[in-house]
């Protein structure tokens, strides 16, 4: 069920980096009422979000892949 490969880890890190960067950008812009937000405040928020989000993505992505394959009708997934 859980197969961690180099691609899985790198993909998880990239997904978490992009996801947390975009979310923290808009949250910081909303909280500071400036668009685009001040760079150092956005980077500070992004570091915290990345530290929390990356382990979650790496741990949960194989679980969601397993669940998705169980619900798939595509014969290539078996």
PDB file of N, CA and C in Angstrom:
ATOM      1  N   UNK A   1       0.829  -1.196   0.000  1.00  0.00           N
ATOM      2  CA  UNK A   1       0.000   0.000   0.000  1.00  0.00           C
ATOM      3  C   UNK A   1       0.869   1.253   0.000  1.00  0.00           C
ATOM      4  N   UNK A   2       1.884   1.308   0.829  1.00  0.00           N
ATOM      5  CA  UNK A   2       2.716   2.502   0.920  1.00  0.00           C
ATOM      6  C   UNK A   2       4.052   2.233   0.256  1.00  0.00           C
ATOM      7  N   UNK A   3       4.219   2.783  -0.930  1.00  0.00           N
ATOM      8  CA  UNK A   3       5.490   2.660  -1.628  1.00  0.00           C
ATOM      9  C   UNK A   3       6.062   4.061  -1.785  1.00  0.00           C
ATOM     10  N   UNK A   4       7.055   4.373  -0.981  1.00  0.00           N
ATOM     11  CA  UNK A   4       7.716   5.662  -1.092  1.00  0.00           C
ATOM     12  C   UNK A   4       8.907   5.515  -2.017  1.00  0.00           C
ATOM     13  N   UNK A   5       8.886   6.245  -3.099  1.00  0.00           N
ATOM     14  CA  UNK A   5      10.002   6.267  -4.023  1.00  0.00           C
ATOM     15  C   UNK A   5      10.564   7.684  -4.044  1.00  0.00           C
ATOM     16  N   UNK A   6      11.651   7.846  -4.748  1.00  0.00           N
ATOM     17  CA  UNK A   6      12.238   9.184  -4.872  1.00  0.00           C
ATOM     18  C   UNK A   6      11.248  10.126  -5.549  1.00  0.00           C
ATOM     19  N   UNK A   7      10.562   9.624  -6.571  1.00  0.00           N
ATOM     20  CA  UNK A   7       9.565  10.435  -7.261  1.00  0.00           C
ATOM     21  C   UNK A   7       8.410  10.839  -6.361  1.00  0.00           C
ATOM     22  N   UNK A   8       7.989   9.930  -5.485  1.00  0.00           N
ATOM     23  CA  UNK A   8       6.903  10.238  -4.559  1.00  0.00           C
ATOM     24  C   UNK A   8       7.303  11.356  -3.598  1.00  0.00           C
ATOM     25  N   UNK A   9       8.515  11.272  -3.077  1.00  0.00           N
ATOM     26  CA  UNK A   9       8.977  12.286  -2.128  1.00  0.00           C
ATOM     27  C   UNK A   9       9.166  13.630  -2.824  1.00  0.00           C
ATOM     28  N   UNK A  10       9.826  13.627  -3.986  1.00  0.00           N
ATOM     29  CA  UNK A  10      10.048  14.886  -4.706  1.00  0.00           C
ATOM     30  C   UNK A  10       8.726  15.494  -5.157  1.00  0.00           C
ATOM     31  N   UNK A  11       7.815  14.657  -5.651  1.00  0.00           N
ATOM     32  CA  UNK A  11       6.499  15.155  -6.049  1.00  0.00           C
ATOM     33  C   UNK A  11       5.735  15.745  -4.882  1.00  0.00           C
ATOM     34  N   UNK A  12       5.798  15.088  -3.729  1.00  0.00           N
ATOM     35  CA  UNK A  12       5.131  15.615  -2.542  1.00  0.00           C
ATOM     36  C   UNK A  12       5.707  16.940  -2.098  1.00  0.00           C
ATOM     37  N   UNK A  13       7.015  17.064  -2.153  1.00  0.00           N
ATOM     38  CA  UNK A  13       7.646  18.326  -1.768  1.00  0.00           C
ATOM     39  C   UNK A  13       7.266  19.440  -2.738  1.00  0.00           C
ATOM     40  N   UNK A  14       7.256  19.142  -4.036  1.00  0.00           N
ATOM     41  CA  UNK A  14       6.880  20.163  -5.016  1.00  0.00           C
ATOM     42  C   UNK A  14       5.416  20.584  -4.874  1.00  0.00           C
ATOM     43  N   UNK A  15       4.531  19.612  -4.691  1.00  0.00           N
ATOM     44  CA  UNK A  15       3.111  19.937  -4.516  1.00  0.00           C
ATOM     45  C   UNK A  15       2.908  20.773  -3.258  1.00  0.00           C
ATOM     46  N   UNK A  16       3.556  20.383  -2.161  1.00  0.00           N
ATOM     47  CA  UNK A  16       3.409  21.124  -0.914  1.00  0.00           C
ATOM     48  C   UNK A  16       3.978  22.530  -1.038  1.00  0.00           C
ATOM     49  N   UNK A  17       5.085  22.674  -1.751  1.00  0.00           N
ATOM     50  CA  UNK A  17       5.695  23.995  -1.905  1.00  0.00           C
ATOM     51  C   UNK A  17       4.792  24.934  -2.689  1.00  0.00           C
ATOM     52  N   UNK A  18       4.275  24.475  -3.808  1.00  0.00           N
ATOM     53  CA  UNK A  18       3.399  25.317  -4.623  1.00  0.00           C
ATOM     54  C   UNK A  18       2.090  25.611  -3.891  1.00  0.00           C
ATOM     55  N   UNK A  19       1.508  24.588  -3.285  1.00  0.00           N
ATOM     56  CA  UNK A  19       0.232  24.749  -2.599  1.00  0.00           C
ATOM     57  C   UNK A  19       0.340  25.737  -1.443  1.00  0.00           C
ATOM     58  N   UNK A  20       1.343  25.558  -0.588  1.00  0.00           N
ATOM     59  CA  UNK A  20       1.468  26.444   0.570  1.00  0.00           C
ATOM     60  C   UNK A  20       1.885  27.842   0.151  1.00  0.00           C
ATOM     61  N   UNK A  21       2.661  27.955  -0.927  1.00  0.00           N
ATOM     62  CA  UNK A  21       3.056  29.279  -1.402  1.00  0.00           C
ATOM     63  C   UNK A  21       1.871  30.090  -1.895  1.00  0.00           C
ATOM     64  N   UNK A  22       1.012  29.465  -2.673  1.00  0.00           N
ATOM     65  CA  UNK A  22      -0.160  30.166  -3.205  1.00  0.00           C
ATOM     66  C   UNK A  22      -1.131  30.535  -2.084  1.00  0.00           C
ATOM     67  N   UNK A  23      -1.401  29.582  -1.210  1.00  0.00           N
ATOM     68  CA  UNK A  23      -2.346  29.848  -0.118  1.00  0.00           C
ATOM     69  C   UNK A  23      -1.812  30.934   0.810  1.00  0.00           C
ATOM     70  N   UNK A  24      -0.537  30.851   1.186  1.00  0.00           N
ATOM     71  CA  UNK A  24       0.011  31.853   2.096  1.00  0.00           C
ATOM     72  C   UNK A  24       0.089  33.222   1.432  1.00  0.00           C
ATOM     73  N   UNK A  25       0.275  33.267   0.111  1.00  0.00           N
ATOM     74  CA  UNK A  25       0.283  34.544  -0.601  1.00  0.00           C
ATOM     75  C   UNK A  25      -1.057  35.260  -0.443  1.00  0.00           C
ATOM     76  N   UNK A  26      -2.140  34.548  -0.707  1.00  0.00           N
ATOM     77  CA  UNK A  26      -3.455  35.183  -0.632  1.00  0.00           C
ATOM     78  C   UNK A  26      -3.883  35.447   0.806  1.00  0.00           C
ATOM     79  N   UNK A  27      -3.536  34.565   1.729  1.00  0.00           N
ATOM     80  CA  UNK A  27      -3.889  34.801   3.135  1.00  0.00           C
ATOM     81  C   UNK A  27      -3.139  36.011   3.671  1.00  0.00           C
ATOM     82  N   UNK A  28      -1.869  36.137   3.330  1.00  0.00           N
ATOM     83  CA  UNK A  28      -1.103  37.302   3.769  1.00  0.00           C
ATOM     84  C   UNK A  28      -1.642  38.574   3.135  1.00  0.00           C
ATOM     85  N   UNK A  29      -2.028  38.512   1.868  1.00  0.00           N
ATOM     86  CA  UNK A  29      -2.605  39.689   1.214  1.00  0.00           C
ATOM     87  C   UNK A  29      -3.917  40.106   1.872  1.00  0.00           C
ATOM     88  N   UNK A  30      -4.723  39.138   2.246  1.00  0.00           N
ATOM     89  CA  UNK A  30      -5.997  39.463   2.907  1.00  0.00           C
ATOM     90  C   UNK A  30      -5.755  40.034   4.304  1.00  0.00           C
ATOM     91  N   UNK A  31      -4.822  39.451   5.040  1.00  0.00           N
ATOM     92  CA  UNK A  31      -4.572  39.910   6.412  1.00  0.00           C
ATOM     93  C   UNK A  31      -3.902  41.274   6.471  1.00  0.00           C
ATOM     94  N   UNK A  32      -3.079  41.620   5.504  1.00  0.00           N
ATOM     95  CA  UNK A  32      -2.385  42.907   5.531  1.00  0.00           C
ATOM     96  C   UNK A  32      -3.075  43.975   4.702  1.00  0.00           C
ATOM     97  N   UNK A  33      -4.128  43.638   3.988  1.00  0.00           N
ATOM     98  CA  UNK A  33      -4.861  44.564   3.110  1.00  0.00           C
ATOM     99  C   UNK A  33      -3.963  45.201   2.054  1.00  0.00           C
ATOM    100  N   UNK A  34      -2.938  44.491   1.622  1.00  0.00           N
ATOM    101  CA  UNK A  34      -2.085  44.961   0.532  1.00  0.00           C
ATOM    102  C   UNK A  34      -1.965  43.853  -0.501  1.00  0.00           C
ATOM    103  N   UNK A  35      -2.019  44.242  -1.769  1.00  0.00           N
ATOM    104  CA  UNK A  35      -1.857  43.264  -2.833  1.00  0.00           C
ATOM    105  C   UNK A  35      -0.887  43.811  -3.854  1.00  0.00           C
ATOM    106  N   UNK A  36       0.185  43.168  -4.098  1.00  0.00           N
ATOM    107  CA  UNK A  36       0.714  41.955  -3.482  1.00  0.00           C
ATOM    108  C   UNK A  36       1.200  42.229  -2.064  1.00  0.00           C
ATOM    109  N   UNK A  37       1.243  41.199  -1.230  1.00  0.00           N
ATOM    110  CA  UNK A  37       1.635  41.417   0.170  1.00  0.00           C
ATOM    111  C   UNK A  37       3.114  41.777   0.291  1.00  0.00           C
ATOM    112  N   UNK A  38       3.465  42.317   1.441  1.00  0.00           N
ATOM    113  CA  UNK A  38       4.856  42.659   1.721  1.00  0.00           C
ATOM    114  C   UNK A  38       5.665  41.367   1.716  1.00  0.00           C
ATOM    115  N   UNK A  39       6.797  41.395   1.040  1.00  0.00           N
ATOM    116  CA  UNK A  39       7.562  40.182   0.762  1.00  0.00           C
ATOM    117  C   UNK A  39       7.995  39.450   2.029  1.00  0.00           C
ATOM    118  N   UNK A  40       8.526  40.152   3.013  1.00  0.00           N
ATOM    119  CA  UNK A  40       9.033  39.454   4.200  1.00  0.00           C
ATOM    120  C   UNK A  40       7.908  38.843   5.037  1.00  0.00           C
ATOM    121  N   UNK A  41       6.733  39.454   5.031  1.00  0.00           N
ATOM    122  CA  UNK A  41       5.606  38.858   5.752  1.00  0.00           C
ATOM    123  C   UNK A  41       5.095  37.610   5.028  1.00  0.00           C
ATOM    124  N   UNK A  42       5.098  37.656   3.697  1.00  0.00           N
ATOM    125  CA  UNK A  42       4.663  36.499   2.936  1.00  0.00           C
ATOM    126  C   UNK A  42       5.637  35.339   3.100  1.00  0.00           C
ATOM    127  N   UNK A  43       6.936  35.603   3.071  1.00  0.00           N
ATOM    128  CA  UNK A  43       7.931  34.542   3.226  1.00  0.00           C
ATOM    129  C   UNK A  43       7.836  33.927   4.620  1.00  0.00           C
ATOM    130  N   UNK A  44       7.617  34.751   5.628  1.00  0.00           N
ATOM    131  CA  UNK A  44       7.473  34.232   6.991  1.00  0.00           C
ATOM    132  C   UNK A  44       6.245  33.324   7.102  1.00  0.00           C
ATOM    133  N   UNK A  45       5.136  33.737   6.512  1.00  0.00           N
ATOM    134  CA  UNK A  45       3.932  32.903   6.532  1.00  0.00           C
ATOM    135  C   UNK A  45       4.132  31.636   5.706  1.00  0.00           C
ATOM    136  N   UNK A  46       4.855  31.753   4.602  1.00  0.00           N
ATOM    137  CA  UNK A  46       5.098  30.597   3.743  1.00  0.00           C
ATOM    138  C   UNK A  46       5.977  29.575   4.441  1.00  0.00           C
ATOM    139  N   UNK A  47       6.990  30.017   5.191  1.00  0.00           N
ATOM    140  CA  UNK A  47       7.865  29.072   5.904  1.00  0.00           C
ATOM    141  C   UNK A  47       7.066  28.253   6.913  1.00  0.00           C
ATOM    142  N   UNK A  48       6.182  28.909   7.648  1.00  0.00           N
ATOM    143  CA  UNK A  48       5.373  28.189   8.636  1.00  0.00           C
ATOM    144  C   UNK A  48       4.407  27.225   7.946  1.00  0.00           C
ATOM    145  N   UNK A  49       3.752  27.690   6.886  1.00  0.00           N
ATOM    146  CA  UNK A  49       2.812  26.819   6.172  1.00  0.00           C
ATOM    147  C   UNK A  49       3.533  25.642   5.528  1.00  0.00           C
ATOM    148  N   UNK A  50       4.736  25.863   5.002  1.00  0.00           N
ATOM    149  CA  UNK A  50       5.488  24.787   4.369  1.00  0.00           C
ATOM    150  C   UNK A  50       5.922  23.758   5.400  1.00  0.00           C
ATOM    151  N   UNK A  51       6.330  24.225   6.580  1.00  0.00           N
ATOM    152  CA  UNK A  51       6.762  23.298   7.633  1.00  0.00           C
ATOM    153  C   UNK A  51       5.602  22.425   8.114  1.00  0.00           C
ATOM    154  N   UNK A  52       4.401  22.948   8.081  1.00  0.00           N
ATOM    155  CA  UNK A  52       3.235  22.178   8.502  1.00  0.00           C
ATOM    156  C   UNK A  52       2.691  21.338   7.341  1.00  0.00           C
ATOM    157  N   UNK A  53       2.649  21.900   6.143  1.00  0.00           N
ATOM    158  CA  UNK A  53       1.997  21.241   5.018  1.00  0.00           C
ATOM    159  C   UNK A  53       2.789  20.131   4.362  1.00  0.00           C
ATOM    160  N   UNK A  54       4.096  20.251   4.306  1.00  0.00           N
ATOM    161  CA  UNK A  54       4.899  19.260   3.600  1.00  0.00           C
ATOM    162  C   UNK A  54       4.819  17.867   4.219  1.00  0.00           C
ATOM    163  N   UNK A  55       4.997  17.716   5.529  1.00  0.00           N
ATOM    164  CA  UNK A  55       4.838  16.362   6.090  1.00  0.00           C
ATOM    165  C   UNK A  55       3.437  15.792   5.872  1.00  0.00           C
ATOM    166  N   UNK A  56       2.435  16.649   5.923  1.00  0.00           N
ATOM    167  CA  UNK A  56       1.071  16.180   5.685  1.00  0.00           C
ATOM    168  C   UNK A  56       0.882  15.656   4.286  1.00  0.00           C
ATOM    169  N   UNK A  57       1.419  16.359   3.302  1.00  0.00           N
ATOM    170  CA  UNK A  57       1.297  15.913   1.910  1.00  0.00           C
ATOM    171  C   UNK A  57       2.068  14.619   1.703  1.00  0.00           C
ATOM    172  N   UNK A  58       3.276  14.536   2.239  1.00  0.00           N
ATOM    173  CA  UNK A  58       4.091  13.342   2.039  1.00  0.00           C
ATOM    174  C   UNK A  58       3.458  12.124   2.711  1.00  0.00           C
ATOM    175  N   UNK A  59       2.865  12.312   3.867  1.00  0.00           N
ATOM    176  CA  UNK A  59       2.265  11.182   4.588  1.00  0.00           C
ATOM    177  C   UNK A  59       0.920  10.789   3.980  1.00  0.00           C
ATOM    178  N   UNK A  60       0.114  11.763   3.587  1.00  0.00           N
ATOM    179  CA  UNK A  60      -1.244  11.465   3.141  1.00  0.00           C
ATOM    180  C   UNK A  60      -1.372  11.140   1.656  1.00  0.00           C
ATOM    181  N   UNK A  61      -0.414  11.532   0.820  1.00  0.00           N
ATOM    182  CA  UNK A  61      -0.576  11.287  -0.616  1.00  0.00           C
ATOM    183  C   UNK A  61      -0.659   9.806  -0.977  1.00  0.00           C
ATOM    184  N   UNK A  62       0.119   8.888  -0.372  1.00  0.00           N
ATOM    185  CA  UNK A  62      -0.081   7.472  -0.713  1.00  0.00           C
ATOM    186  C   UNK A  62      -1.442   6.932  -0.266  1.00  0.00           C
ATOM    187  N   UNK A  63      -1.967   7.469   0.829  1.00  0.00           N
ATOM    188  CA  UNK A  63      -3.281   7.030   1.305  1.00  0.00           C
ATOM    189  C   UNK A  63      -4.361   7.438   0.309  1.00  0.00           C
ATOM    190  N   UNK A  64      -4.308   8.692  -0.168  1.00  0.00           N
ATOM    191  CA  UNK A  64      -5.300   9.158  -1.135  1.00  0.00           C
ATOM    192  C   UNK A  64      -5.136   8.460  -2.480  1.00  0.00           C
ATOM    193  N   UNK A  65      -3.917   8.116  -2.859  1.00  0.00           N
ATOM    194  CA  UNK A  65      -3.701   7.353  -4.085  1.00  0.00           C
ATOM    195  C   UNK A  65      -4.332   5.969  -3.959  1.00  0.00           C
ATOM    196  N   UNK A  66      -4.150   5.331  -2.832  1.00  0.00           N
ATOM    197  CA  UNK A  66      -4.725   4.005  -2.583  1.00  0.00           C
ATOM    198  C   UNK A  66      -6.255   4.065  -2.639  1.00  0.00           C
ATOM    199  N   UNK A  67      -6.834   5.076  -2.000  1.00  0.00           N
ATOM    200  CA  UNK A  67      -8.295   5.222  -2.009  1.00  0.00           C
ATOM    201  C   UNK A  67      -8.785   5.501  -3.423  1.00  0.00           C
ATOM    202  N   UNK A  68      -8.080   6.352  -4.158  1.00  0.00           N
ATOM    203  CA  UNK A  68      -8.482   6.664  -5.530  1.00  0.00           C
ATOM    204  C   UNK A  68      -8.448   5.458  -6.437  1.00  0.00           C
ATOM    205  N   UNK A  69      -7.443   4.609  -6.276  1.00  0.00           N
ATOM    206  CA  UNK A  69      -7.360   3.395  -7.097  1.00  0.00           C
ATOM    207  C   UNK A  69      -8.487   2.431  -6.749  1.00  0.00           C
ATOM    208  N   UNK A  70      -8.876   2.357  -5.483  1.00  0.00           N
ATOM    209  CA  UNK A  70      -9.974   1.467  -5.094  1.00  0.00           C
ATOM    210  C   UNK A  70     -11.304   1.903  -5.711  1.00  0.00           C
ATOM    211  N   UNK A  71     -11.508   3.214  -5.903  1.00  0.00           N
ATOM    212  CA  UNK A  71     -12.753   3.711  -6.485  1.00  0.00           C
ATOM    213  C   UNK A  71     -12.702   3.802  -8.003  1.00  0.00           C
ATOM    214  N   UNK A  72     -11.554   3.569  -8.609  1.00  0.00           N
ATOM    215  CA  UNK A  72     -11.405   3.735 -10.056  1.00  0.00           C
ATOM    216  C   UNK A  72     -12.020   2.550 -10.812  1.00  0.00           C
ATOM    217  N   UNK A  73     -12.601   2.855 -11.963  1.00  0.00           N
ATOM    218  CA  UNK A  73     -13.158   1.838 -12.846  1.00  0.00           C
ATOM    219  C   UNK A  73     -12.198   1.449 -13.951  1.00  0.00           C
ATOM    220  N   UNK A  74     -11.101   2.132 -14.059  1.00  0.00           N
ATOM    221  CA  UNK A  74     -10.139   1.882 -15.126  1.00  0.00           C
ATOM    222  C   UNK A  74      -9.408   0.569 -14.899  1.00  0.00           C
ATOM    223  N   UNK A  75      -9.461  -0.365 -15.848  1.00  0.00           N
ATOM    224  CA  UNK A  75      -8.800  -1.659 -15.633  1.00  0.00           C
ATOM    225  C   UNK A  75      -7.271  -1.548 -15.543  1.00  0.00           C
ATOM    226  N   UNK A  76      -6.699  -0.470 -16.037  1.00  0.00           N
ATOM    227  CA  UNK A  76      -5.248  -0.302 -15.941  1.00  0.00           C
ATOM    228  C   UNK A  76      -4.779  -0.042 -14.504  1.00  0.00           C
ATOM    229  N   UNK A  77      -5.701   0.319 -13.611  1.00  0.00           N
ATOM    230  CA  UNK A  77      -5.324   0.593 -12.214  1.00  0.00           C
ATOM    231  C   UNK A  77      -5.218  -0.671 -11.384  1.00  0.00           C
ATOM    232  N   UNK A  78      -5.648  -1.804 -11.899  1.00  0.00           N
ATOM    233  CA  UNK A  78      -5.607  -3.047 -11.115  1.00  0.00           C
ATOM    234  C   UNK A  78      -4.333  -3.788 -11.285  1.00  0.00           C
TER     235      UNK A  78
END
